[in-house]
């Protein structure tokens, strides 16, 4: 195998890897529809990967929509939680 053949093969491999990386970076469109209706004042639990993340359910303070999705903000937290991971809880 000559040097020019190695260079051509390497260039093709880099181009193929670059294309694969570009394709892998494109995220599939995911619907941002919540499973349940949630409103400010509701008590909710955050379910991530099948695990409840809060020791006790929390109250929704606000819901924000952006180009990145819909996020729920709960008492005591400054971080938004994807609305698709929120489950309303019954209050006593």
Protein backbone atom coordinates (compact mmCIF):
# COMPACT_ATOMS: atom_id res chain seq x y z
CA UNK A 1 0.00 0.00 0.00
CA UNK A 2 1.49 3.32 -1.04
CA UNK A 3 1.53 6.52 0.98
CA UNK A 4 -1.02 8.20 -1.33
CA UNK A 5 -3.39 5.24 -0.91
CA UNK A 6 -3.09 5.48 2.88
CA UNK A 7 -3.76 9.23 2.74
CA UNK A 8 -6.85 8.68 0.55
CA UNK A 9 -8.16 5.92 2.79
CA UNK A 10 -7.54 8.03 5.89
CA UNK A 11 -9.28 11.04 4.32
CA UNK A 12 -12.29 8.88 3.45
CA UNK A 13 -12.38 7.45 6.98
CA UNK A 14 -12.24 10.94 8.50
CA UNK A 15 -14.99 12.13 6.16
CA UNK A 16 -17.14 9.11 7.06
CA UNK A 17 -16.54 9.61 10.78
CA UNK A 18 -17.27 13.32 10.46
CA UNK A 19 -20.55 12.55 8.70
CA UNK A 20 -21.45 9.96 11.34
CA UNK A 21 -20.72 12.44 14.12
CA UNK A 22 -22.82 15.08 12.40
CA UNK A 23 -25.71 12.66 12.02
CA UNK A 24 -25.36 11.49 15.63
CA UNK A 25 -25.50 15.07 16.92
CA UNK A 26 -28.88 15.68 15.33
CA UNK A 27 -31.46 14.88 17.97
CA UNK A 28 -34.71 13.31 16.86
CA UNK A 29 -37.73 15.52 17.32
CA UNK A 30 -39.49 14.54 20.51
CA UNK A 31 -42.98 15.70 21.28
CA UNK A 32 -43.07 17.99 24.27
CA UNK A 33 -46.55 16.90 25.25
CA UNK A 34 -47.00 16.10 28.92
CA UNK A 35 -48.72 12.87 29.84
CA UNK A 36 -50.74 14.70 32.50
CA UNK A 37 -52.07 18.23 32.77
CA UNK A 38 -50.11 20.19 35.37
CA UNK A 39 -50.82 23.72 36.60
CA UNK A 40 -49.12 26.06 39.08
CA UNK A 41 -50.22 25.11 42.59
CA UNK A 42 -50.43 21.39 41.77
CA UNK A 43 -48.44 18.91 43.84
CA UNK A 44 -46.14 16.83 41.65
CA UNK A 45 -43.40 14.23 41.68
CA UNK A 46 -40.45 14.13 39.29
CA UNK A 47 -40.04 10.74 37.64
CA UNK A 48 -36.68 10.29 35.93
CA UNK A 49 -35.88 6.89 34.51
CA UNK A 50 -38.61 5.25 36.58
CA UNK A 51 -37.35 6.69 39.88
CA UNK A 52 -39.04 9.38 41.95
CA UNK A 53 -36.47 12.12 42.46
CA UNK A 54 -38.10 14.03 45.34
CA UNK A 55 -38.34 12.54 48.86
CA UNK A 56 -41.76 14.23 49.09
CA UNK A 57 -43.95 15.69 46.31
CA UNK A 58 -43.45 19.41 45.62
CA UNK A 59 -45.74 22.28 44.60
CA UNK A 60 -45.45 23.71 41.07
CA UNK A 61 -44.52 27.40 41.15
CA UNK A 62 -44.49 28.05 37.41
CA UNK A 63 -44.33 26.44 33.98
CA UNK A 64 -42.10 27.96 31.29
CA UNK A 65 -42.11 27.21 27.57
CA UNK A 66 -39.05 27.88 25.46
CA UNK A 67 -37.55 26.73 22.19
CA UNK A 68 -35.85 23.98 24.23
CA UNK A 69 -39.14 22.60 25.58
CA UNK A 70 -41.58 23.04 28.44
CA UNK A 71 -40.18 23.04 31.96
CA UNK A 72 -41.82 22.90 35.38
CA UNK A 73 -40.33 24.83 38.30
CA UNK A 74 -41.16 23.59 41.79
CA UNK A 75 -40.81 25.06 45.26
CA UNK A 76 -37.25 25.14 46.57
CA UNK A 77 -35.58 24.67 43.18
CA UNK A 78 -34.24 27.02 40.53
CA UNK A 79 -33.87 24.24 37.96
CA UNK A 80 -36.58 23.43 35.45
CA UNK A 81 -37.76 19.85 35.05
CA UNK A 82 -38.97 18.62 31.66
CA UNK A 83 -42.77 18.53 31.80
CA UNK A 84 -42.71 15.04 30.29
CA UNK A 85 -41.08 13.80 33.53
CA UNK A 86 -43.68 15.30 35.89
CA UNK A 87 -46.43 13.27 37.53
CA UNK A 88 -49.26 14.96 39.45
CA UNK A 89 -49.81 13.61 42.96
CA UNK A 90 -53.01 13.50 44.97
CA UNK A 91 -53.12 15.70 48.01
CA UNK A 92 -54.85 14.63 51.19
